[in-house]
Amino acid sequence: RAAGAGPAPGKLYRPNRFVSLPAELNPDTYDTSPEKRRAEAERLAIRSRLKRQYQLQLNNPSPPAVIENPALVRWAYAKSQNVYPTFRPTPRTSFLGAAYGLGPLLFWIFVLKFDRDRKQKRIQEGKYKRPFSVFC
């Protein structure tokens, strides 16, 4: 770059709320601290050990009946059994829980009561002849 050519493109770019910052201009991707690089290296080592263990089981001449992928087991556990650490009760989730839990119950109570009241009114007016039924 020539001297006085202006600021770098990364300085000129301003992210807006509709488009995320590109990875090339995001300081988190290229300007990492030593702790972050160390954590990434540890995660990479864990992934490579798990991959090696899985590949050894997969390419074993006398393989076991079921080959378990530890990463897949951890993912399935985190997805199904371990929901509470990732769930946060908010007003929206509380409203949705009440709507899905109480909504159908209140709907059917209203429908059945309305039908019963309408039938009672027709009986009192003499416009409805009750059929003989053990269940009605």
C-alpha atoms as a PDB file:
ATOM      1  CA  ARG A   1       0.000   0.000   0.000  1.00  0.00           C
ATOM      2  CA  ALA A   2       1.160   3.421  -0.781  1.00  0.00           C
ATOM      3  CA  ALA A   3       1.492   5.952   1.981  1.00  0.00           C
ATOM      4  CA  GLY A   4      -1.558   8.156   2.298  1.00  0.00           C
ATOM      5  CA  ALA A   5      -3.749   5.753   0.305  1.00  0.00           C
ATOM      6  CA  GLY A   6      -6.471   5.943   2.924  1.00  0.00           C
ATOM      7  CA  PRO A   7      -7.624   3.630   5.676  1.00  0.00           C
ATOM      8  CA  ALA A   8      -7.628  -0.122   5.275  1.00  0.00           C
ATOM      9  CA  PRO A   9     -10.814  -1.729   3.910  1.00  0.00           C
ATOM     10  CA  GLY A  10     -11.441  -3.318   7.310  1.00  0.00           C
ATOM     11  CA  LYS A  11     -11.686   0.134   8.840  1.00  0.00           C
ATOM     12  CA  LEU A  12     -14.049   1.416   6.129  1.00  0.00           C
ATOM     13  CA  TYR A  13     -16.511  -1.460   6.422  1.00  0.00           C
ATOM     14  CA  ARG A  14     -19.277  -0.936   8.937  1.00  0.00           C
ATOM     15  CA  PRO A  15     -21.570  -3.925   9.593  1.00  0.00           C
ATOM     16  CA  ASN A  16     -25.289  -3.298   9.571  1.00  0.00           C
ATOM     17  CA  ARG A  17     -28.012  -5.162  11.391  1.00  0.00           C
ATOM     18  CA  PHE A  18     -29.110  -7.100   8.296  1.00  0.00           C
ATOM     19  CA  VAL A  19     -25.722  -8.492   7.240  1.00  0.00           C
ATOM     20  CA  SER A  20     -23.152 -10.046   9.545  1.00  0.00           C
ATOM     21  CA  LEU A  21     -19.503  -9.097   9.420  1.00  0.00           C
ATOM     22  CA  PRO A  22     -17.539 -11.206   6.886  1.00  0.00           C
ATOM     23  CA  ALA A  23     -15.014 -13.590   8.420  1.00  0.00           C
ATOM     24  CA  GLU A  24     -12.161 -11.788   6.660  1.00  0.00           C
ATOM     25  CA  LEU A  25     -13.018  -8.550   8.445  1.00  0.00           C
ATOM     26  CA  ASN A  26     -14.018 -10.039  11.790  1.00  0.00           C
ATOM     27  CA  PRO A  27     -11.225  -9.477  14.350  1.00  0.00           C
ATOM     28  CA  ASP A  28     -12.275 -12.639  16.228  1.00  0.00           C
ATOM     29  CA  THR A  29     -11.060 -14.798  13.341  1.00  0.00           C
ATOM     30  CA  TYR A  30      -7.617 -13.357  12.795  1.00  0.00           C
ATOM     31  CA  ASP A  31      -6.743 -11.452  15.977  1.00  0.00           C
ATOM     32  CA  THR A  32      -6.843 -14.231  18.546  1.00  0.00           C
ATOM     33  CA  SER A  33      -5.373 -14.156  21.990  1.00  0.00           C
ATOM     34  CA  PRO A  34      -2.943 -16.875  23.183  1.00  0.00           C
ATOM     35  CA  GLU A  35      -5.628 -18.356  25.487  1.00  0.00           C
ATOM     36  CA  LYS A  36      -8.069 -18.610  22.588  1.00  0.00           C
ATOM     37  CA  ARG A  37      -5.458 -20.251  20.360  1.00  0.00           C
ATOM     38  CA  ARG A  38      -4.585 -22.694  23.154  1.00  0.00           C
ATOM     39  CA  ALA A  39      -8.283 -23.582  23.630  1.00  0.00           C
ATOM     40  CA  GLU A  40      -8.677 -24.105  19.866  1.00  0.00           C
ATOM     41  CA  ALA A  41      -5.595 -26.352  19.846  1.00  0.00           C
ATOM     42  CA  GLU A  42      -7.018 -28.405  22.753  1.00  0.00           C
ATOM     43  CA  ARG A  43     -10.355 -28.810  20.957  1.00  0.00           C
ATOM     44  CA  LEU A  44      -8.552 -29.827  17.785  1.00  0.00           C
ATOM     45  CA  ALA A  45      -6.500 -32.409  19.730  1.00  0.00           C
ATOM     46  CA  ILE A  46      -9.654 -33.853  21.317  1.00  0.00           C
ATOM     47  CA  ARG A  47     -11.370 -34.060  17.925  1.00  0.00           C
ATOM     48  CA  SER A  48      -8.365 -35.754  16.344  1.00  0.00           C
ATOM     49  CA  ARG A  49      -8.112 -38.296  19.190  1.00  0.00           C
ATOM     50  CA  LEU A  50     -11.826 -39.116  18.874  1.00  0.00           C
ATOM     51  CA  LYS A  51     -11.497 -39.400  15.098  1.00  0.00           C
ATOM     52  CA  ARG A  52      -8.484 -41.698  15.422  1.00  0.00           C
ATOM     53  CA  GLN A  53     -10.299 -43.906  17.943  1.00  0.00           C
ATOM     54  CA  TYR A  54     -13.323 -44.164  15.631  1.00  0.00           C
ATOM     55  CA  GLN A  55     -11.167 -44.919  12.586  1.00  0.00           C
ATOM     56  CA  LEU A  56      -9.320 -47.663  14.518  1.00  0.00           C
ATOM     57  CA  GLN A  57     -12.639 -49.272  15.478  1.00  0.00           C
ATOM     58  CA  LEU A  58     -13.984 -48.914  11.947  1.00  0.00           C
ATOM     59  CA  ASN A  59     -10.922 -50.446  10.267  1.00  0.00           C
ATOM     60  CA  ASN A  60     -10.401 -53.209  12.816  1.00  0.00           C
ATOM     61  CA  PRO A  61     -10.176 -56.640  11.073  1.00  0.00           C
ATOM     62  CA  SER A  62     -12.468 -58.126  13.738  1.00  0.00           C
ATOM     63  CA  PRO A  63     -14.747 -55.208  14.559  1.00  0.00           C
ATOM     64  CA  PRO A  64     -17.197 -55.217  17.459  1.00  0.00           C
ATOM     65  CA  ALA A  65     -20.903 -55.638  16.726  1.00  0.00           C
ATOM     66  CA  VAL A  66     -21.670 -51.975  17.358  1.00  0.00           C
ATOM     67  CA  ILE A  67     -19.151 -49.232  16.719  1.00  0.00           C
ATOM     68  CA  GLU A  68     -19.967 -46.257  18.893  1.00  0.00           C
ATOM     69  CA  ASN A  69     -18.944 -42.834  17.784  1.00  0.00           C
ATOM     70  CA  PRO A  70     -18.229 -40.946  21.039  1.00  0.00           C
ATOM     71  CA  ALA A  71     -18.809 -37.580  19.398  1.00  0.00           C
ATOM     72  CA  LEU A  72     -22.216 -38.745  18.158  1.00  0.00           C
ATOM     73  CA  VAL A  73     -23.094 -40.123  21.602  1.00  0.00           C
ATOM     74  CA  ARG A  74     -22.165 -36.801  23.220  1.00  0.00           C
ATOM     75  CA  TRP A  75     -24.165 -34.891  20.618  1.00  0.00           C
ATOM     76  CA  ALA A  76     -27.236 -37.112  21.108  1.00  0.00           C
ATOM     77  CA  TYR A  77     -26.995 -36.683  24.884  1.00  0.00           C
ATOM     78  CA  ALA A  78     -26.668 -32.922  24.600  1.00  0.00           C
ATOM     79  CA  LYS A  79     -29.582 -32.792  22.153  1.00  0.00           C
ATOM     80  CA  SER A  80     -32.042 -34.982  24.062  1.00  0.00           C
ATOM     81  CA  GLN A  81     -31.168 -35.382  27.737  1.00  0.00           C
ATOM     82  CA  ASN A  82     -29.374 -32.181  28.588  1.00  0.00           C
ATOM     83  CA  VAL A  83     -32.013 -29.605  27.652  1.00  0.00           C
ATOM     84  CA  TYR A  84     -32.209 -27.526  30.816  1.00  0.00           C
ATOM     85  CA  PRO A  85     -28.771 -25.864  30.701  1.00  0.00           C
ATOM     86  CA  THR A  86     -29.666 -24.457  27.277  1.00  0.00           C
ATOM     87  CA  PHE A  87     -33.292 -23.552  28.070  1.00  0.00           C
ATOM     88  CA  ARG A  88     -34.031 -20.120  29.494  1.00  0.00           C
ATOM     89  CA  PRO A  89     -37.528 -19.326  30.694  1.00  0.00           C
ATOM     90  CA  THR A  90     -38.593 -16.041  29.148  1.00  0.00           C
ATOM     91  CA  PRO A  91     -41.976 -14.348  28.955  1.00  0.00           C
ATOM     92  CA  ARG A  92     -42.346 -15.705  25.418  1.00  0.00           C
ATOM     93  CA  THR A  93     -41.644 -19.331  26.379  1.00  0.00           C
ATOM     94  CA  SER A  94     -43.915 -18.989  29.415  1.00  0.00           C
ATOM     95  CA  PHE A  95     -46.731 -17.654  27.230  1.00  0.00           C
ATOM     96  CA  LEU A  96     -46.223 -20.394  24.641  1.00  0.00           C
ATOM     97  CA  GLY A  97     -46.218 -23.062  27.357  1.00  0.00           C
ATOM     98  CA  ALA A  98     -49.478 -21.724  28.770  1.00  0.00           C
ATOM     99  CA  ALA A  99     -51.002 -21.386  25.307  1.00  0.00           C
ATOM    100  CA  TYR A 100     -50.117 -24.939  24.271  1.00  0.00           C
ATOM    101  CA  GLY A 101     -50.958 -26.401  27.674  1.00  0.00           C
ATOM    102  CA  LEU A 102     -54.144 -24.546  28.582  1.00  0.00           C
ATOM    103  CA  GLY A 103     -55.333 -23.409  25.145  1.00  0.00           C
ATOM    104  CA  PRO A 104     -56.731 -26.736  23.902  1.00  0.00           C
ATOM    105  CA  LEU A 105     -58.260 -27.485  27.303  1.00  0.00           C
ATOM    106  CA  LEU A 106     -60.064 -24.135  27.464  1.00  0.00           C
ATOM    107  CA  PHE A 107     -61.135 -24.477  23.818  1.00  0.00           C
ATOM    108  CA  TRP A 108     -62.812 -27.844  24.379  1.00  0.00           C
ATOM    109  CA  ILE A 109     -64.423 -26.677  27.612  1.00  0.00           C
ATOM    110  CA  PHE A 110     -65.935 -23.723  25.731  1.00  0.00           C
ATOM    111  CA  VAL A 111     -67.091 -25.870  22.773  1.00  0.00           C
ATOM    112  CA  LEU A 112     -68.709 -28.536  24.951  1.00  0.00           C
ATOM    113  CA  LYS A 113     -70.392 -25.988  27.249  1.00  0.00           C
ATOM    114  CA  PHE A 114     -71.695 -23.995  24.269  1.00  0.00           C
ATOM    115  CA  ASP A 115     -73.081 -27.175  22.688  1.00  0.00           C
ATOM    116  CA  ARG A 116     -74.713 -28.261  25.952  1.00  0.00           C
ATOM    117  CA  ASP A 117     -76.287 -24.818  26.527  1.00  0.00           C
ATOM    118  CA  ARG A 118     -77.585 -24.706  22.951  1.00  0.00           C
ATOM    119  CA  LYS A 119     -79.079 -28.178  23.331  1.00  0.00           C
ATOM    120  CA  GLN A 120     -80.709 -27.244  26.683  1.00  0.00           C
ATOM    121  CA  LYS A 121     -82.226 -24.107  25.134  1.00  0.00           C
ATOM    122  CA  ARG A 122     -83.681 -26.121  22.233  1.00  0.00           C
ATOM    123  CA  ILE A 123     -85.096 -28.696  24.685  1.00  0.00           C
ATOM    124  CA  GLN A 124     -86.769 -25.932  26.736  1.00  0.00           C
ATOM    125  CA  GLU A 125     -88.261 -24.407  23.571  1.00  0.00           C
ATOM    126  CA  GLY A 126     -89.537 -27.842  22.537  1.00  0.00           C
ATOM    127  CA  LYS A 127     -87.627 -27.865  19.249  1.00  0.00           C
ATOM    128  CA  TYR A 128     -85.369 -30.796  20.182  1.00  0.00           C
ATOM    129  CA  LYS A 129     -86.551 -34.280  20.988  1.00  0.00           C
ATOM    130  CA  ARG A 130     -84.025 -36.107  23.094  1.00  0.00           C
ATOM    131  CA  PRO A 131     -83.081 -39.503  21.704  1.00  0.00           C
ATOM    132  CA  PHE A 132     -82.882 -42.341  24.200  1.00  0.00           C
ATOM    133  CA  SER A 133     -79.228 -42.927  24.932  1.00  0.00           C
ATOM    134  CA  VAL A 134     -77.381 -44.336  27.876  1.00  0.00           C
ATOM    135  CA  PHE A 135     -74.394 -42.041  27.288  1.00  0.00           C
ATOM    136  CA  CYS A 136     -76.095 -38.629  26.605  1.00  0.00           C
END
